């Protein structure tokens, strides 16, 4: 089974921008060259496709050919080299590709399930945290109420204590008006 590459990988390996690769790929397709398509209708590049694109680059850059002439030359060379492989490859790759797609769908479903589980756990954690916060607020209110009640009781006790005025020591010797006198 031949290794397949996506546009970003091919652009990186050829040291060109993605837009440049797209431009050359469109020119090749316009000349009748066929690229396989992957998910989202994106181009899938095989080694033969990369070699063809490299030929076009070299012809344009090193031999100063026009892009149209370089594309025609590359397409002609590709058709001469592999006329029978083109017919066999789609059949050979269709089954493994469907297996890969099925595997990717399984992985996607697994990720969806894991994501749902994480959402449930997050909701449980948020409920637990909310309960903890409410519990702490309730305890703080109880403590505040107890402290307030204790403070009020202490003030009430202080009010209820009788205040005794102690007379001075000399006041004991003062005469009282109705007291009998010895004069």
C-alpha atoms as a PDB file:
ATOM      1  CA  UNK A   1       0.000   0.000   0.000  1.00  0.00           C
ATOM      2  CA  UNK A   2       1.431   3.310  -1.066  1.00  0.00           C
ATOM      3  CA  UNK A   3       1.883   6.136   1.442  1.00  0.00           C
ATOM      4  CA  UNK A   4      -0.529   9.050   0.937  1.00  0.00           C
ATOM      5  CA  UNK A   5       0.265  12.669   1.833  1.00  0.00           C
ATOM      6  CA  UNK A   6      -1.884  15.750   2.323  1.00  0.00           C
ATOM      7  CA  UNK A   7      -1.242  19.170   0.799  1.00  0.00           C
ATOM      8  CA  UNK A   8       0.449  20.648   3.851  1.00  0.00           C
ATOM      9  CA  UNK A   9       2.946  17.775   4.044  1.00  0.00           C
ATOM     10  CA  UNK A  10       3.773  17.939   0.341  1.00  0.00           C
ATOM     11  CA  UNK A  11       4.165  21.730   0.393  1.00  0.00           C
ATOM     12  CA  UNK A  12       6.526  21.430   3.336  1.00  0.00           C
ATOM     13  CA  UNK A  13       8.609  18.681   1.714  1.00  0.00           C
ATOM     14  CA  UNK A  14       8.882  20.651  -1.549  1.00  0.00           C
ATOM     15  CA  UNK A  15       9.665  23.862   0.359  1.00  0.00           C
ATOM     16  CA  UNK A  16       6.857  25.791  -1.309  1.00  0.00           C
ATOM     17  CA  UNK A  17       3.757  27.500  -0.031  1.00  0.00           C
ATOM     18  CA  UNK A  18       0.401  25.771   0.047  1.00  0.00           C
ATOM     19  CA  UNK A  19      -0.983  28.273  -2.470  1.00  0.00           C
ATOM     20  CA  UNK A  20       1.869  27.516  -4.907  1.00  0.00           C
ATOM     21  CA  UNK A  21       1.227  23.785  -4.598  1.00  0.00           C
ATOM     22  CA  UNK A  22      -2.483  24.414  -5.162  1.00  0.00           C
ATOM     23  CA  UNK A  23      -1.716  26.498  -8.291  1.00  0.00           C
ATOM     24  CA  UNK A  24       0.454  23.758  -9.802  1.00  0.00           C
ATOM     25  CA  UNK A  25      -2.064  21.052  -8.860  1.00  0.00           C
ATOM     26  CA  UNK A  26      -4.883  22.980 -10.530  1.00  0.00           C
ATOM     27  CA  UNK A  27      -2.761  23.407 -13.666  1.00  0.00           C
ATOM     28  CA  UNK A  28      -2.046  19.661 -13.724  1.00  0.00           C
ATOM     29  CA  UNK A  29      -5.735  18.831 -13.262  1.00  0.00           C
ATOM     30  CA  UNK A  30      -6.650  21.247 -16.067  1.00  0.00           C
ATOM     31  CA  UNK A  31      -4.246  19.308 -18.318  1.00  0.00           C
ATOM     32  CA  UNK A  32      -5.973  16.016 -17.477  1.00  0.00           C
ATOM     33  CA  UNK A  33      -3.870  14.793 -14.553  1.00  0.00           C
ATOM     34  CA  UNK A  34      -5.898  13.055 -11.841  1.00  0.00           C
ATOM     35  CA  UNK A  35      -5.375  13.474  -8.087  1.00  0.00           C
ATOM     36  CA  UNK A  36      -7.202  11.237  -5.650  1.00  0.00           C
ATOM     37  CA  UNK A  37      -9.466  13.047  -3.215  1.00  0.00           C
ATOM     38  CA  UNK A  38      -9.747  12.500   0.494  1.00  0.00           C
ATOM     39  CA  UNK A  39     -11.980  13.782   3.235  1.00  0.00           C
ATOM     40  CA  UNK A  40     -13.601  17.159   2.484  1.00  0.00           C
ATOM     41  CA  UNK A  41     -12.648  16.711  -1.177  1.00  0.00           C
ATOM     42  CA  UNK A  42      -9.015  17.619  -0.447  1.00  0.00           C
ATOM     43  CA  UNK A  43      -6.254  16.296  -2.699  1.00  0.00           C
ATOM     44  CA  UNK A  44      -4.330  13.233  -1.608  1.00  0.00           C
ATOM     45  CA  UNK A  45      -0.805  13.044  -3.002  1.00  0.00           C
ATOM     46  CA  UNK A  46       1.102   9.834  -3.635  1.00  0.00           C
ATOM     47  CA  UNK A  47       4.800   9.538  -4.449  1.00  0.00           C
ATOM     48  CA  UNK A  48       4.069   9.565  -8.201  1.00  0.00           C
ATOM     49  CA  UNK A  49       2.139  12.831  -7.782  1.00  0.00           C
ATOM     50  CA  UNK A  50       4.979  14.433  -5.847  1.00  0.00           C
ATOM     51  CA  UNK A  51       7.479  13.401  -8.535  1.00  0.00           C
ATOM     52  CA  UNK A  52       5.230  14.864 -11.239  1.00  0.00           C
ATOM     53  CA  UNK A  53       4.927  18.169  -9.364  1.00  0.00           C
ATOM     54  CA  UNK A  54       8.709  18.235  -8.857  1.00  0.00           C
ATOM     55  CA  UNK A  55       9.179  17.799 -12.612  1.00  0.00           C
ATOM     56  CA  UNK A  56       6.926  20.789 -13.248  1.00  0.00           C
ATOM     57  CA  UNK A  57       8.836  22.907 -10.684  1.00  0.00           C
ATOM     58  CA  UNK A  58      12.213  21.992 -12.188  1.00  0.00           C
ATOM     59  CA  UNK A  59      11.050  22.641 -15.740  1.00  0.00           C
ATOM     60  CA  UNK A  60       9.693  26.071 -14.797  1.00  0.00           C
ATOM     61  CA  UNK A  61      12.596  27.125 -12.582  1.00  0.00           C
ATOM     62  CA  UNK A  62      15.650  25.512 -14.173  1.00  0.00           C
ATOM     63  CA  UNK A  63      14.692  25.297 -17.842  1.00  0.00           C
ATOM     64  CA  UNK A  64      12.654  28.517 -17.915  1.00  0.00           C
ATOM     65  CA  UNK A  65       9.668  26.738 -19.455  1.00  0.00           C
ATOM     66  CA  UNK A  66       6.230  28.238 -19.226  1.00  0.00           C
ATOM     67  CA  UNK A  67       4.026  26.571 -16.663  1.00  0.00           C
ATOM     68  CA  UNK A  68       1.634  25.294 -19.351  1.00  0.00           C
ATOM     69  CA  UNK A  69       4.462  23.667 -21.320  1.00  0.00           C
ATOM     70  CA  UNK A  70       5.961  22.143 -18.157  1.00  0.00           C
ATOM     71  CA  UNK A  71       2.567  20.779 -17.104  1.00  0.00           C
ATOM     72  CA  UNK A  72       1.934  19.233 -20.536  1.00  0.00           C
ATOM     73  CA  UNK A  73       5.376  17.625 -20.518  1.00  0.00           C
ATOM     74  CA  UNK A  74       4.896  16.215 -16.993  1.00  0.00           C
ATOM     75  CA  UNK A  75       1.437  14.837 -17.806  1.00  0.00           C
ATOM     76  CA  UNK A  76       2.739  13.227 -21.019  1.00  0.00           C
ATOM     77  CA  UNK A  77       5.678  11.621 -19.144  1.00  0.00           C
ATOM     78  CA  UNK A  78       3.366  10.340 -16.411  1.00  0.00           C
ATOM     79  CA  UNK A  79       0.967   8.776 -18.933  1.00  0.00           C
ATOM     80  CA  UNK A  80       3.846   7.027 -20.712  1.00  0.00           C
ATOM     81  CA  UNK A  81       5.397   5.668 -17.521  1.00  0.00           C
ATOM     82  CA  UNK A  82       2.394   4.230 -15.705  1.00  0.00           C
ATOM     83  CA  UNK A  83      -0.583   3.543 -17.953  1.00  0.00           C
ATOM     84  CA  UNK A  84      -1.568   0.264 -16.242  1.00  0.00           C
ATOM     85  CA  UNK A  85      -0.924   1.297 -12.658  1.00  0.00           C
ATOM     86  CA  UNK A  86      -3.503   4.074 -12.875  1.00  0.00           C
ATOM     87  CA  UNK A  87      -6.252   1.545 -13.534  1.00  0.00           C
ATOM     88  CA  UNK A  88      -5.210  -0.816 -10.731  1.00  0.00           C
ATOM     89  CA  UNK A  89      -4.508   1.690  -7.971  1.00  0.00           C
ATOM     90  CA  UNK A  90      -8.023   2.943  -7.206  1.00  0.00           C
ATOM     91  CA  UNK A  91      -9.206  -0.642  -6.702  1.00  0.00           C
ATOM     92  CA  UNK A  92      -6.208  -1.554  -4.567  1.00  0.00           C
ATOM     93  CA  UNK A  93      -6.595   1.537  -2.383  1.00  0.00           C
ATOM     94  CA  UNK A  94     -10.374   1.578  -2.067  1.00  0.00           C
ATOM     95  CA  UNK A  95     -10.592  -1.221   0.480  1.00  0.00           C
ATOM     96  CA  UNK A  96      -7.799  -0.050   2.788  1.00  0.00           C
ATOM     97  CA  UNK A  97      -9.168   3.483   2.500  1.00  0.00           C
ATOM     98  CA  UNK A  98     -12.619   2.299   3.590  1.00  0.00           C
ATOM     99  CA  UNK A  99     -11.007   0.413   6.467  1.00  0.00           C
ATOM    100  CA  UNK A 100      -9.153   3.573   7.459  1.00  0.00           C
ATOM    101  CA  UNK A 101     -12.361   5.585   7.251  1.00  0.00           C
ATOM    102  CA  UNK A 102     -14.163   3.047   9.440  1.00  0.00           C
ATOM    103  CA  UNK A 103     -11.300   3.164  11.929  1.00  0.00           C
ATOM    104  CA  UNK A 104     -11.385   6.966  11.950  1.00  0.00           C
ATOM    105  CA  UNK A 105     -15.150   6.914  12.493  1.00  0.00           C
ATOM    106  CA  UNK A 106     -14.654   4.562  15.461  1.00  0.00           C
ATOM    107  CA  UNK A 107     -12.025   6.890  16.893  1.00  0.00           C
ATOM    108  CA  UNK A 108     -14.317   9.850  16.356  1.00  0.00           C
ATOM    109  CA  UNK A 109     -17.162   8.079  18.168  1.00  0.00           C
ATOM    110  CA  UNK A 110     -14.795   7.184  21.014  1.00  0.00           C
ATOM    111  CA  UNK A 111     -13.744  10.820  21.289  1.00  0.00           C
ATOM    112  CA  UNK A 112     -17.385  11.918  21.293  1.00  0.00           C
ATOM    113  CA  UNK A 113     -18.153   9.435  24.090  1.00  0.00           C
ATOM    114  CA  UNK A 114     -15.131  10.564  26.114  1.00  0.00           C
ATOM    115  CA  UNK A 115     -16.156  14.177  25.594  1.00  0.00           C
ATOM    116  CA  UNK A 116     -19.705  13.450  26.821  1.00  0.00           C
ATOM    117  CA  UNK A 117     -18.294  11.691  29.887  1.00  0.00           C
ATOM    118  CA  UNK A 118     -16.023  14.658  30.625  1.00  0.00           C
ATOM    119  CA  UNK A 119     -18.983  17.030  30.341  1.00  0.00           C
ATOM    120  CA  UNK A 120     -20.941  14.894  32.831  1.00  0.00           C
ATOM    121  CA  UNK A 121     -18.003  14.795  35.239  1.00  0.00           C
ATOM    122  CA  UNK A 122     -17.550  18.542  34.942  1.00  0.00           C
ATOM    123  CA  UNK A 123     -21.241  19.098  35.718  1.00  0.00           C
ATOM    124  CA  UNK A 124     -20.955  16.814  38.767  1.00  0.00           C
ATOM    125  CA  UNK A 125     -17.858  18.650  39.931  1.00  0.00           C
ATOM    126  CA  UNK A 126     -19.591  22.000  39.530  1.00  0.00           C
ATOM    127  CA  UNK A 127     -22.593  20.759  41.568  1.00  0.00           C
ATOM    128  CA  UNK A 128     -20.254  19.434  44.245  1.00  0.00           C
ATOM    129  CA  UNK A 129     -18.369  22.751  44.389  1.00  0.00           C
ATOM    130  CA  UNK A 130     -21.666  24.671  44.609  1.00  0.00           C
ATOM    131  CA  UNK A 131     -22.795  22.448  47.490  1.00  0.00           C
ATOM    132  CA  UNK A 132     -19.457  22.993  49.257  1.00  0.00           C
ATOM    133  CA  UNK A 133     -19.739  26.759  48.832  1.00  0.00           C
ATOM    134  CA  UNK A 134     -23.311  26.765  50.134  1.00  0.00           C
ATOM    135  CA  UNK A 135     -22.294  24.550  53.064  1.00  0.00           C
ATOM    136  CA  UNK A 136     -19.413  26.871  53.964  1.00  0.00           C
ATOM    137  CA  UNK A 137     -21.685  29.912  53.693  1.00  0.00           C
ATOM    138  CA  UNK A 138     -24.228  28.200  55.959  1.00  0.00           C
ATOM    139  CA  UNK A 139     -21.513  27.362  58.517  1.00  0.00           C
ATOM    140  CA  UNK A 140     -20.196  30.926  58.388  1.00  0.00           C
ATOM    141  CA  UNK A 141     -23.705  32.274  59.002  1.00  0.00           C
ATOM    142  CA  UNK A 142     -24.146  29.893  61.957  1.00  0.00           C
ATOM    143  CA  UNK A 143     -20.804  30.959  63.445  1.00  0.00           C
ATOM    144  CA  UNK A 144     -21.672  34.630  62.950  1.00  0.00           C
ATOM    145  CA  UNK A 145     -25.081  34.125  64.589  1.00  0.00           C
ATOM    146  CA  UNK A 146     -23.521  32.311  67.572  1.00  0.00           C
ATOM    147  CA  UNK A 147     -20.940  35.054  68.025  1.00  0.00           C
ATOM    148  CA  UNK A 148     -23.636  37.721  67.788  1.00  0.00           C
ATOM    149  CA  UNK A 149     -25.838  35.894  70.287  1.00  0.00           C
ATOM    150  CA  UNK A 150     -22.911  35.419  72.691  1.00  0.00           C
ATOM    151  CA  UNK A 151     -22.029  39.085  72.389  1.00  0.00           C
ATOM    152  CA  UNK A 152     -25.613  40.138  73.081  1.00  0.00           C
ATOM    153  CA  UNK A 153     -25.843  37.799  76.073  1.00  0.00           C
ATOM    154  CA  UNK A 154     -22.616  39.225  77.486  1.00  0.00           C
ATOM    155  CA  UNK A 155     -24.011  42.753  77.184  1.00  0.00           C
ATOM    156  CA  UNK A 156     -27.258  41.716  78.880  1.00  0.00           C
ATOM    157  CA  UNK A 157     -25.379  40.087  81.752  1.00  0.00           C
ATOM    158  CA  UNK A 158     -23.363  43.270  82.232  1.00  0.00           C
ATOM    159  CA  UNK A 159     -26.589  45.308  82.424  1.00  0.00           C
ATOM    160  CA  UNK A 160     -28.136  42.966  84.978  1.00  0.00           C
ATOM    161  CA  UNK A 161     -25.212  43.153  87.407  1.00  0.00           C
ATOM    162  CA  UNK A 162     -26.218  45.548  90.232  1.00  0.00           C
ATOM    163  CA  UNK A 163     -23.928  48.455  90.627  1.00  0.00           C
ATOM    164  CA  UNK A 164     -22.879  48.967  94.186  1.00  0.00           C
ATOM    165  CA  UNK A 165     -21.685  52.389  95.119  1.00  0.00           C
ATOM    166  CA  UNK A 166     -19.117  52.108  97.731  1.00  0.00           C
ATOM    167  CA  UNK A 167     -19.015  55.040  99.987  1.00  0.00           C
ATOM    168  CA  UNK A 168     -15.814  56.434 101.069  1.00  0.00           C
ATOM    169  CA  UNK A 169     -14.358  55.362 104.316  1.00  0.00           C
ATOM    170  CA  UNK A 170     -15.112  58.710 105.968  1.00  0.00           C
ATOM    171  CA  UNK A 171     -18.738  58.647 105.048  1.00  0.00           C
ATOM    172  CA  UNK A 172     -19.243  56.058 107.718  1.00  0.00           C
ATOM    173  CA  UNK A 173     -18.527  58.651 110.335  1.00  0.00           C
ATOM    174  CA  UNK A 174     -20.911  61.303 109.133  1.00  0.00           C
ATOM    175  CA  UNK A 175     -23.810  62.180 111.239  1.00  0.00           C
ATOM    176  CA  UNK A 176     -27.205  61.395 110.193  1.00  0.00           C
ATOM    177  CA  UNK A 177     -29.888  63.984 110.755  1.00  0.00           C
ATOM    178  CA  UNK A 178     -32.239  61.854 112.766  1.00  0.00           C
ATOM    179  CA  UNK A 179     -29.596  60.249 114.744  1.00  0.00           C
ATOM    180  CA  UNK A 180     -29.522  60.829 118.484  1.00  0.00           C
ATOM    181  CA  UNK A 181     -26.895  63.149 119.671  1.00  0.00           C
ATOM    182  CA  UNK A 182     -25.103  63.256 122.948  1.00  0.00           C
ATOM    183  CA  UNK A 183     -24.892  66.992 123.356  1.00  0.00           C
END
